N, C-alpha and C. Protein backbone atom coordinates (compact mmCIF):
# COMPACT_ATOMS: atom_id res chain seq x y z
N MET A 1 -35.92 -2.70 46.10
CA MET A 1 -37.29 -2.72 45.65
C MET A 1 -37.97 -4.06 45.93
N GLU A 2 -37.16 -5.10 45.86
CA GLU A 2 -37.69 -6.42 46.09
C GLU A 2 -38.17 -6.58 47.54
N ALA A 3 -37.53 -5.96 48.52
CA ALA A 3 -37.92 -6.02 49.92
C ALA A 3 -39.26 -5.35 50.15
N VAL A 4 -39.52 -4.26 49.43
CA VAL A 4 -40.81 -3.57 49.56
C VAL A 4 -41.93 -4.48 49.08
N GLY A 5 -41.70 -5.24 48.04
CA GLY A 5 -42.71 -6.18 47.54
C GLY A 5 -43.03 -7.27 48.55
N TYR A 6 -42.01 -7.81 49.20
CA TYR A 6 -42.22 -8.83 50.22
C TYR A 6 -42.98 -8.26 51.42
N ILE A 7 -42.62 -7.09 51.86
CA ILE A 7 -43.28 -6.46 53.01
C ILE A 7 -44.73 -6.18 52.68
N THR A 8 -44.99 -5.64 51.48
CA THR A 8 -46.36 -5.35 51.07
C THR A 8 -47.17 -6.63 50.98
N THR A 9 -46.60 -7.66 50.41
CA THR A 9 -47.29 -8.94 50.30
C THR A 9 -47.60 -9.51 51.69
N THR A 10 -46.65 -9.42 52.61
CA THR A 10 -46.84 -9.92 53.97
C THR A 10 -47.96 -9.16 54.68
N ILE A 11 -47.99 -7.83 54.55
CA ILE A 11 -49.03 -7.02 55.18
C ILE A 11 -50.40 -7.37 54.61
N VAL A 12 -50.49 -7.52 53.30
CA VAL A 12 -51.77 -7.87 52.66
C VAL A 12 -52.23 -9.25 53.12
N LEU A 13 -51.30 -10.21 53.19
CA LEU A 13 -51.67 -11.56 53.64
C LEU A 13 -52.13 -11.56 55.10
N ILE A 14 -51.45 -10.82 55.96
CA ILE A 14 -51.87 -10.71 57.36
C ILE A 14 -53.27 -10.11 57.45
N PHE A 15 -53.53 -9.06 56.68
CA PHE A 15 -54.85 -8.43 56.67
C PHE A 15 -55.92 -9.40 56.20
N LEU A 16 -55.66 -10.11 55.11
CA LEU A 16 -56.63 -11.06 54.56
C LEU A 16 -56.88 -12.23 55.53
N CYS A 17 -55.82 -12.72 56.17
CA CYS A 17 -56.00 -13.80 57.15
C CYS A 17 -56.83 -13.31 58.34
N GLY A 18 -56.58 -12.10 58.81
CA GLY A 18 -57.36 -11.54 59.91
C GLY A 18 -58.82 -11.39 59.53
N LYS A 19 -59.08 -10.93 58.33
CA LYS A 19 -60.46 -10.77 57.86
C LYS A 19 -61.15 -12.14 57.74
N ALA A 20 -60.43 -13.14 57.22
CA ALA A 20 -61.00 -14.48 57.08
C ALA A 20 -61.33 -15.08 58.45
N ILE A 21 -60.43 -14.91 59.41
CA ILE A 21 -60.68 -15.41 60.77
C ILE A 21 -61.86 -14.70 61.39
N SER A 22 -61.95 -13.38 61.19
CA SER A 22 -63.06 -12.60 61.72
C SER A 22 -64.40 -13.07 61.14
N LEU A 23 -64.45 -13.30 59.84
CA LEU A 23 -65.68 -13.80 59.20
C LEU A 23 -66.03 -15.20 59.70
N PHE A 24 -65.03 -16.04 59.86
CA PHE A 24 -65.24 -17.41 60.34
C PHE A 24 -65.84 -17.40 61.74
N VAL A 25 -65.26 -16.62 62.63
CA VAL A 25 -65.73 -16.55 64.01
C VAL A 25 -67.13 -15.95 64.09
N SER A 26 -67.39 -14.87 63.36
CA SER A 26 -68.72 -14.24 63.40
C SER A 26 -69.79 -15.15 62.81
N HIS A 27 -69.41 -15.95 61.82
CA HIS A 27 -70.38 -16.87 61.21
C HIS A 27 -70.86 -17.90 62.22
N PHE A 28 -69.94 -18.45 63.02
CA PHE A 28 -70.32 -19.48 63.97
C PHE A 28 -70.80 -18.94 65.31
N SER A 29 -70.42 -17.72 65.67
CA SER A 29 -70.87 -17.18 66.95
C SER A 29 -72.30 -16.66 66.89
N ASP A 30 -72.79 -16.29 65.71
CA ASP A 30 -74.18 -15.82 65.58
C ASP A 30 -75.17 -16.95 65.72
N LYS A 31 -74.76 -18.15 65.42
CA LYS A 31 -75.65 -19.30 65.45
C LYS A 31 -75.38 -20.11 66.71
N THR A 32 -76.09 -19.77 67.79
CA THR A 32 -75.92 -20.55 69.02
C THR A 32 -76.70 -21.85 68.85
N PRO A 33 -76.04 -22.97 69.04
CA PRO A 33 -76.73 -24.25 68.84
C PRO A 33 -77.79 -24.48 69.91
N LEU A 34 -78.87 -25.11 69.49
CA LEU A 34 -79.93 -25.47 70.43
C LEU A 34 -79.45 -26.62 71.30
N PRO A 35 -79.89 -26.66 72.56
CA PRO A 35 -79.55 -27.82 73.39
C PRO A 35 -80.15 -29.07 72.78
N LYS A 36 -79.51 -30.20 73.01
CA LYS A 36 -79.99 -31.44 72.42
C LYS A 36 -80.27 -32.47 73.50
N ALA A 37 -81.23 -33.31 73.23
CA ALA A 37 -81.54 -34.46 74.08
C ALA A 37 -81.78 -35.64 73.17
N PHE A 38 -81.09 -36.72 73.40
CA PHE A 38 -81.22 -37.93 72.60
C PHE A 38 -80.97 -37.66 71.13
N GLY A 39 -80.09 -36.72 70.83
CA GLY A 39 -79.73 -36.42 69.45
C GLY A 39 -80.64 -35.44 68.74
N ALA A 40 -81.75 -35.05 69.35
CA ALA A 40 -82.68 -34.12 68.72
C ALA A 40 -82.55 -32.74 69.35
N ALA A 41 -82.63 -31.70 68.52
CA ALA A 41 -82.56 -30.32 69.01
C ALA A 41 -83.83 -30.00 69.80
N ILE A 42 -83.67 -29.31 70.91
CA ILE A 42 -84.80 -28.93 71.76
C ILE A 42 -85.13 -27.47 71.47
N PRO A 43 -86.32 -27.18 70.95
CA PRO A 43 -86.65 -25.79 70.62
C PRO A 43 -87.00 -24.97 71.86
N GLU A 44 -86.78 -23.68 71.77
CA GLU A 44 -87.16 -22.77 72.85
C GLU A 44 -88.67 -22.56 72.77
N THR A 45 -89.34 -22.45 73.93
CA THR A 45 -90.78 -22.24 73.94
C THR A 45 -91.10 -20.86 74.51
N ASP A 46 -92.34 -20.46 74.33
CA ASP A 46 -92.77 -19.17 74.87
C ASP A 46 -93.63 -19.35 76.13
N LEU A 47 -93.52 -20.51 76.77
CA LEU A 47 -94.28 -20.77 77.99
C LEU A 47 -93.76 -19.90 79.12
N GLU A 48 -94.66 -19.53 80.02
CA GLU A 48 -94.28 -18.71 81.19
C GLU A 48 -94.81 -19.38 82.45
N LEU A 49 -94.19 -19.03 83.56
CA LEU A 49 -94.61 -19.55 84.85
C LEU A 49 -95.91 -18.85 85.26
N ASP A 50 -96.96 -19.61 85.49
CA ASP A 50 -98.25 -19.08 85.91
C ASP A 50 -98.36 -19.23 87.43
N ILE A 51 -98.13 -18.14 88.16
CA ILE A 51 -98.11 -18.25 89.62
C ILE A 51 -99.51 -18.37 90.23
N SER A 52 -100.55 -18.36 89.41
CA SER A 52 -101.89 -18.59 89.96
C SER A 52 -102.16 -20.08 90.15
N LYS A 53 -101.31 -20.93 89.57
CA LYS A 53 -101.48 -22.38 89.68
C LYS A 53 -100.70 -22.92 90.88
N PRO A 54 -101.16 -24.04 91.43
CA PRO A 54 -100.38 -24.67 92.52
C PRO A 54 -99.21 -25.46 91.94
N TYR A 55 -98.11 -25.51 92.71
CA TYR A 55 -96.90 -26.19 92.26
C TYR A 55 -96.35 -27.11 93.34
N ASP A 56 -95.56 -28.08 92.90
CA ASP A 56 -94.76 -28.91 93.78
C ASP A 56 -93.32 -28.46 93.57
N ILE A 57 -92.62 -28.17 94.66
CA ILE A 57 -91.24 -27.71 94.58
C ILE A 57 -90.35 -28.75 95.24
N VAL A 58 -89.26 -29.09 94.56
CA VAL A 58 -88.22 -29.92 95.16
C VAL A 58 -87.03 -28.99 95.35
N TYR A 59 -86.49 -28.99 96.57
CA TYR A 59 -85.34 -28.12 96.83
C TYR A 59 -84.28 -28.90 97.59
N SER A 60 -83.04 -28.46 97.41
CA SER A 60 -81.93 -29.10 98.11
C SER A 60 -81.56 -28.25 99.30
N GLY A 61 -80.97 -28.89 100.27
CA GLY A 61 -80.58 -28.17 101.47
C GLY A 61 -79.18 -28.55 101.89
N GLY A 62 -78.91 -28.38 103.15
CA GLY A 62 -77.59 -28.73 103.66
C GLY A 62 -76.56 -27.71 103.25
N ASN A 63 -75.46 -28.17 102.70
CA ASN A 63 -74.37 -27.27 102.34
C ASN A 63 -74.47 -26.83 100.88
N PHE A 64 -75.64 -26.72 100.35
CA PHE A 64 -75.92 -26.33 98.97
C PHE A 64 -75.36 -27.32 97.97
N GLY A 65 -74.91 -28.46 98.44
CA GLY A 65 -74.40 -29.49 97.55
C GLY A 65 -75.45 -30.54 97.28
N GLY A 66 -76.64 -30.36 97.79
CA GLY A 66 -77.71 -31.31 97.55
C GLY A 66 -77.60 -32.56 98.39
N GLU A 67 -77.10 -32.43 99.62
CA GLU A 67 -76.99 -33.61 100.47
C GLU A 67 -78.35 -34.20 100.78
N PHE A 68 -79.37 -33.37 100.86
CA PHE A 68 -80.71 -33.90 101.01
C PHE A 68 -81.65 -33.04 100.16
N ALA A 69 -82.75 -33.63 99.82
CA ALA A 69 -83.77 -32.90 99.06
C ALA A 69 -85.09 -33.05 99.78
N ASP A 70 -85.90 -32.02 99.71
CA ASP A 70 -87.21 -32.05 100.33
C ASP A 70 -88.22 -31.60 99.29
N ARG A 71 -89.46 -31.95 99.52
CA ARG A 71 -90.53 -31.62 98.58
C ARG A 71 -91.61 -30.84 99.31
N ILE A 72 -92.06 -29.77 98.68
CA ILE A 72 -93.21 -29.01 99.17
C ILE A 72 -94.28 -29.17 98.09
N GLU A 73 -95.43 -29.73 98.46
CA GLU A 73 -96.44 -30.04 97.46
C GLU A 73 -97.68 -29.15 97.58
N GLY A 74 -98.27 -28.84 96.44
CA GLY A 74 -99.54 -28.13 96.38
C GLY A 74 -99.47 -26.71 96.88
N ILE A 75 -98.37 -26.02 96.65
CA ILE A 75 -98.22 -24.66 97.16
C ILE A 75 -98.49 -23.64 96.05
N ARG A 76 -98.70 -22.42 96.48
CA ARG A 76 -98.89 -21.31 95.56
C ARG A 76 -97.72 -20.35 95.78
N ILE A 77 -97.14 -19.85 94.70
CA ILE A 77 -96.02 -18.91 94.82
C ILE A 77 -96.60 -17.52 95.09
N VAL A 78 -96.21 -16.93 96.21
CA VAL A 78 -96.72 -15.62 96.61
C VAL A 78 -95.81 -14.50 96.09
N GLY A 79 -94.50 -14.66 96.23
CA GLY A 79 -93.56 -13.64 95.79
C GLY A 79 -92.22 -13.80 96.47
N TYR A 80 -91.50 -12.69 96.59
CA TYR A 80 -90.18 -12.65 97.22
C TYR A 80 -90.19 -11.73 98.42
N VAL A 81 -89.30 -12.00 99.36
CA VAL A 81 -89.00 -11.06 100.44
C VAL A 81 -87.49 -10.92 100.51
N GLY A 82 -87.04 -9.84 101.11
CA GLY A 82 -85.61 -9.64 101.28
C GLY A 82 -85.00 -8.82 100.17
N ARG A 83 -83.70 -8.64 100.28
CA ARG A 83 -82.96 -7.85 99.29
C ARG A 83 -81.86 -8.68 98.68
N ASP A 84 -81.41 -8.24 97.51
CA ASP A 84 -80.26 -8.89 96.89
C ASP A 84 -79.00 -8.65 97.70
N GLU A 85 -78.82 -7.42 98.17
CA GLU A 85 -77.64 -7.06 98.96
C GLU A 85 -78.09 -6.37 100.24
N PRO A 86 -78.26 -7.11 101.32
CA PRO A 86 -78.74 -6.50 102.55
C PRO A 86 -77.74 -5.49 103.11
N GLU A 87 -78.28 -4.54 103.87
CA GLU A 87 -77.43 -3.50 104.45
C GLU A 87 -76.52 -4.07 105.52
N SER A 88 -77.00 -5.02 106.28
CA SER A 88 -76.22 -5.57 107.38
C SER A 88 -75.96 -7.05 107.12
N PHE A 89 -74.72 -7.46 107.29
CA PHE A 89 -74.38 -8.86 107.13
C PHE A 89 -74.26 -9.56 108.48
N SER A 90 -74.77 -8.93 109.54
CA SER A 90 -74.64 -9.52 110.87
C SER A 90 -75.50 -10.78 111.01
N LYS A 91 -76.58 -10.86 110.26
CA LYS A 91 -77.45 -12.03 110.33
C LYS A 91 -77.35 -12.77 109.00
N LEU A 92 -76.24 -13.43 108.77
CA LEU A 92 -75.99 -14.07 107.48
C LEU A 92 -77.00 -15.14 107.14
N PHE A 93 -77.61 -15.74 108.15
CA PHE A 93 -78.56 -16.81 107.86
C PHE A 93 -79.85 -16.31 107.24
N ILE A 94 -80.14 -15.02 107.29
CA ILE A 94 -81.36 -14.51 106.67
C ILE A 94 -81.07 -13.55 105.53
N ARG A 95 -79.82 -13.45 105.10
CA ARG A 95 -79.49 -12.49 104.05
C ARG A 95 -79.99 -12.97 102.70
N GLY A 96 -80.18 -12.06 101.81
CA GLY A 96 -80.60 -12.40 100.46
C GLY A 96 -82.10 -12.42 100.31
N ARG A 97 -82.52 -12.91 99.16
CA ARG A 97 -83.95 -12.98 98.85
C ARG A 97 -84.48 -14.38 99.10
N TRP A 98 -85.74 -14.45 99.50
CA TRP A 98 -86.41 -15.71 99.76
C TRP A 98 -87.68 -15.77 98.93
N LEU A 99 -87.95 -16.94 98.38
CA LEU A 99 -89.20 -17.18 97.66
C LEU A 99 -90.26 -17.51 98.70
N VAL A 100 -91.39 -16.80 98.66
CA VAL A 100 -92.47 -17.03 99.62
C VAL A 100 -93.52 -17.91 98.94
N VAL A 101 -93.82 -19.04 99.57
CA VAL A 101 -94.84 -19.94 99.05
C VAL A 101 -95.90 -20.15 100.12
N GLU A 102 -97.12 -20.47 99.68
CA GLU A 102 -98.23 -20.61 100.61
C GLU A 102 -98.91 -21.96 100.41
N TYR A 103 -99.11 -22.67 101.53
CA TYR A 103 -99.81 -23.95 101.52
C TYR A 103 -101.31 -23.70 101.39
N PRO A 104 -102.08 -24.74 101.01
CA PRO A 104 -103.54 -24.57 100.94
C PRO A 104 -104.17 -24.12 102.26
N ASP A 105 -103.55 -24.46 103.40
CA ASP A 105 -104.11 -24.05 104.69
C ASP A 105 -103.63 -22.65 105.11
N LYS A 106 -103.01 -21.91 104.18
CA LYS A 106 -102.56 -20.52 104.35
C LYS A 106 -101.25 -20.35 105.12
N ARG A 107 -100.63 -21.47 105.58
CA ARG A 107 -99.30 -21.34 106.17
C ARG A 107 -98.33 -20.96 105.06
N ARG A 108 -97.26 -20.28 105.43
CA ARG A 108 -96.29 -19.86 104.44
C ARG A 108 -94.93 -20.49 104.72
N ALA A 109 -94.18 -20.71 103.66
CA ALA A 109 -92.81 -21.21 103.76
C ALA A 109 -91.92 -20.28 102.95
N PHE A 110 -90.65 -20.20 103.36
CA PHE A 110 -89.68 -19.33 102.70
C PHE A 110 -88.53 -20.20 102.21
N VAL A 111 -88.26 -20.15 100.92
CA VAL A 111 -87.26 -21.01 100.30
C VAL A 111 -86.24 -20.14 99.57
N MET A 112 -84.95 -20.46 99.73
CA MET A 112 -83.93 -19.74 98.98
C MET A 112 -84.05 -20.14 97.51
N PRO A 113 -84.24 -19.18 96.61
CA PRO A 113 -84.46 -19.52 95.19
C PRO A 113 -83.36 -20.37 94.57
N HIS A 114 -82.11 -20.17 94.97
CA HIS A 114 -81.03 -20.94 94.35
C HIS A 114 -81.01 -22.39 94.81
N SER A 115 -81.83 -22.74 95.80
CA SER A 115 -81.85 -24.13 96.26
C SER A 115 -82.94 -24.95 95.56
N ILE A 116 -83.75 -24.32 94.71
CA ILE A 116 -84.82 -25.04 94.02
C ILE A 116 -84.23 -25.92 92.93
N VAL A 117 -84.57 -27.20 92.99
CA VAL A 117 -84.10 -28.17 92.01
C VAL A 117 -85.12 -28.31 90.88
N SER A 118 -86.40 -28.37 91.23
CA SER A 118 -87.43 -28.48 90.19
C SER A 118 -88.73 -27.86 90.68
N LEU A 119 -89.53 -27.48 89.72
CA LEU A 119 -90.83 -26.86 89.97
C LEU A 119 -91.81 -27.55 89.03
N LYS A 120 -92.87 -28.15 89.58
CA LYS A 120 -93.81 -28.91 88.77
C LYS A 120 -95.22 -28.49 89.10
N GLU A 121 -96.07 -28.35 88.08
CA GLU A 121 -97.47 -28.04 88.34
C GLU A 121 -98.07 -29.18 89.15
N SER A 122 -98.81 -28.83 90.19
CA SER A 122 -99.45 -29.85 91.03
C SER A 122 -100.63 -30.46 90.31
N ALA A 123 -100.88 -31.70 90.65
CA ALA A 123 -102.08 -32.36 90.15
C ALA A 123 -103.28 -31.77 90.87
N PRO A 124 -104.43 -31.70 90.21
CA PRO A 124 -105.62 -31.18 90.89
C PRO A 124 -105.96 -32.03 92.10
N ILE A 125 -106.39 -31.38 93.15
CA ILE A 125 -106.76 -32.08 94.38
C ILE A 125 -108.25 -32.38 94.33
N HIS A 126 -108.57 -33.65 94.49
CA HIS A 126 -109.97 -34.08 94.50
C HIS A 126 -110.29 -34.59 95.90
N PHE A 127 -111.30 -34.00 96.50
CA PHE A 127 -111.73 -34.43 97.83
C PHE A 127 -112.90 -35.38 97.67
N HIS A 128 -112.83 -36.48 98.39
CA HIS A 128 -113.91 -37.46 98.38
C HIS A 128 -114.54 -37.48 99.78
N PHE A 129 -115.79 -37.10 99.85
CA PHE A 129 -116.50 -37.07 101.10
C PHE A 129 -117.39 -38.29 101.19
N PRO A 130 -117.45 -38.90 102.37
CA PRO A 130 -118.33 -40.08 102.52
C PRO A 130 -119.80 -39.67 102.39
N LYS A 131 -120.56 -40.56 101.81
CA LYS A 131 -121.99 -40.31 101.66
C LYS A 131 -122.71 -40.63 102.95
N HIS A 132 -123.64 -39.77 103.33
CA HIS A 132 -124.45 -40.01 104.53
C HIS A 132 -125.75 -40.66 104.11
N GLU A 133 -126.11 -41.71 104.83
CA GLU A 133 -127.35 -42.41 104.48
C GLU A 133 -128.35 -42.32 105.57
């Protein structure tokens, strides 16, 4: 009879420990910590990318390791071209999706989205024309 008591006690303790671990893990997994900068929590914002505005894009090139970076300034984001999974892999250099951007003079550039390092709203362009006298 004494063995049954030990077995029952062991099963109950295993169950209670499992429940305690489950509660502990669920308590901390529901609360994802906010990213921090300089010790302060950074709140999430509801801002969205406004593609009607001009942007400056910095992108990396080369072997995707960022060996060089280039800047495209004052462009407008037009959209995407290409597919996520192209039917033919014979032209690997053009596979995938490309971000289409347009310069103020209407020329277009195509940038691989994963190579974008930063995207910044462009400063307004002010043209100064000489005065005629």
